[in-house]
C-alpha atoms as a PDB file:
ATOM      1  CA  MET A   1     247.946-104.623 -52.475  1.00  0.00           C
ATOM      2  CA  GLN A   2     246.091-104.799 -55.227  1.00  0.00           C
ATOM      3  CA  ARG A   3     243.343-105.919 -52.989  1.00  0.00           C
ATOM      4  CA  PHE A   4     243.697-103.418 -50.428  1.00  0.00           C
ATOM      5  CA  GLY A   5     243.718-100.756 -53.231  1.00  0.00           C
ATOM      6  CA  PHE A   6     240.660-102.252 -54.765  1.00  0.00           C
ATOM      7  CA  THR A   7     238.872-101.896 -51.611  1.00  0.00           C
ATOM      8  CA  LEU A   8     240.042 -98.096 -51.279  1.00  0.00           C
ATOM      9  CA  VAL A   9     238.766 -97.127 -54.728  1.00  0.00           C
ATOM     10  CA  LEU A  10     235.096 -99.019 -54.012  1.00  0.00           C
ATOM     11  CA  PHE A  11     235.064 -97.127 -50.440  1.00  0.00           C
ATOM     12  CA  GLY A  12     236.020 -93.711 -51.617  1.00  0.00           C
ATOM     13  CA  LEU A  13     233.201 -94.041 -54.671  1.00  0.00           C
ATOM     14  CA  ALA A  14     230.571 -95.045 -52.539  1.00  0.00           C
ATOM     15  CA  LEU A  15     231.336 -92.122 -49.834  1.00  0.00           C
ATOM     16  CA  ILE A  16     231.365 -89.907 -52.670  1.00  0.00           C
ATOM     17  CA  LEU A  17     228.101 -91.459 -54.295  1.00  0.00           C
ATOM     18  CA  GLY A  18     226.692 -91.309 -50.869  1.00  0.00           C
ATOM     19  CA  VAL A  19     227.462 -87.448 -50.301  1.00  0.00           C
ATOM     20  CA  VAL A  20     226.033 -86.789 -53.971  1.00  0.00           C
ATOM     21  CA  GLY A  21     222.844 -88.950 -52.957  1.00  0.00           C
ATOM     22  CA  ILE A  22     222.447 -87.258 -49.442  1.00  0.00           C
ATOM     23  CA  LEU A  23     222.826 -83.629 -50.994  1.00  0.00           C
ATOM     24  CA  LEU A  24     220.311 -84.414 -54.180  1.00  0.00           C
ATOM     25  CA  THR A  25     217.612 -85.205 -51.575  1.00  0.00           C
ATOM     26  CA  ASP A  26     218.723 -81.871 -49.450  1.00  0.00           C
ATOM     27  CA  GLY A  27     216.484 -80.102 -51.724  1.00  0.00           C
ATOM     28  CA  MET A  28     213.449 -81.054 -50.370  1.00  0.00           C
ATOM     29  CA  ALA A  29     214.367 -80.907 -46.548  1.00  0.00           C
ATOM     30  CA  PRO A  30     217.108 -78.838 -46.648  1.00  0.00           C
ATOM     31  CA  GLY A  31     219.631 -78.915 -43.434  1.00  0.00           C
ATOM     32  CA  ARG A  32     220.243 -82.487 -43.370  1.00  0.00           C
ATOM     33  CA  ILE A  33     223.737 -82.529 -44.140  1.00  0.00           C
ATOM     34  CA  ALA A  34     225.971 -79.238 -43.630  1.00  0.00           C
ATOM     35  CA  PRO A  35     227.911 -78.290 -46.467  1.00  0.00           C
ATOM     36  CA  GLY A  36     231.046 -77.974 -45.155  1.00  0.00           C
ATOM     37  CA  PHE A  37     230.141 -82.010 -43.702  1.00  0.00           C
ATOM     38  CA  ALA A  38     229.800 -82.307 -47.693  1.00  0.00           C
ATOM     39  CA  ALA A  39     232.902 -81.074 -49.316  1.00  0.00           C
ATOM     40  CA  VAL A  40     234.900 -83.257 -46.487  1.00  0.00           C
ATOM     41  CA  ALA A  41     233.232 -86.458 -46.979  1.00  0.00           C
ATOM     42  CA  ALA A  42     233.653 -85.538 -50.724  1.00  0.00           C
ATOM     43  CA  ALA A  43     237.478 -84.770 -50.334  1.00  0.00           C
ATOM     44  CA  THR A  44     237.999 -87.683 -48.423  1.00  0.00           C
ATOM     45  CA  GLY A  45     236.240 -90.161 -51.148  1.00  0.00           C
ATOM     46  CA  GLY A  46     238.730 -88.241 -53.533  1.00  0.00           C
ATOM     47  CA  ILE A  47     241.936 -89.184 -51.379  1.00  0.00           C
ATOM     48  CA  LEU A  48     240.663 -92.948 -50.711  1.00  0.00           C
ATOM     49  CA  ILE A  49     240.435 -93.181 -54.770  1.00  0.00           C
ATOM     50  CA  VAL A  50     244.007 -91.588 -55.311  1.00  0.00           C
ATOM     51  CA  GLY A  51     245.190 -93.759 -52.668  1.00  0.00           C
ATOM     52  CA  GLY A  52     243.863 -96.944 -53.887  1.00  0.00           C
ATOM     53  CA  LEU A  53     244.723 -95.999 -57.554  1.00  0.00           C
ATOM     54  CA  ARG A  54     248.189 -95.659 -56.142  1.00  0.00           C
ATOM     55  CA  PHE A  55     248.221 -98.747 -54.525  1.00  0.00           C
ATOM     56  CA  LEU A  56     246.599-100.865 -57.658  1.00  0.00           C
ATOM     57  CA  GLU A  57     249.357 -99.263 -59.479  1.00  0.00           C
ATOM     58  CA  ARG A  58     252.105-100.588 -57.765  1.00  0.00           C
ATOM     59  CA  GLY A  59     254.360-103.243 -59.321  1.00  0.00           C
ATOM     60  CA  ARG A  60     253.374-102.614 -62.604  1.00  0.00           C
ATOM     61  CA  THR A  61     256.315-102.097 -64.826  1.00  0.00           C
ATOM     62  CA  ASP A  62     256.912 -99.075 -67.411  1.00  0.00           C
ATOM     63  CA  PHE A  63     256.909-100.278 -71.026  1.00  0.00           C
ATOM     64  CA  HIS A  64     258.857 -97.983 -73.110  1.00  0.00           C
ATOM     65  CA  LEU A  65     257.967 -97.456 -76.648  1.00  0.00           C
ATOM     66  CA  GLY A  66     260.951 -97.060 -79.101  1.00  0.00           C
END
C-alpha cells in the first residue's frame, strides 16, 4: 500500500508541475491550454496527492504522549 501511495503522490506532483510549466510558457503563445482544463488538472493532482498521503499513513500507529 505504501508503494501505491508513493506512486500517487509522485503522479500528483508531476501533474501539478506540468500544468504550472505549461501555464508559465503559455504567456509566450496564449491559448495553448484552456484555463478550465488547467484548473481541473491541478485539482486532480491535488486529489492524487491527498489520496497518496492517506495510503502512506495507513497502518501507522498513533503515539500518545502523556
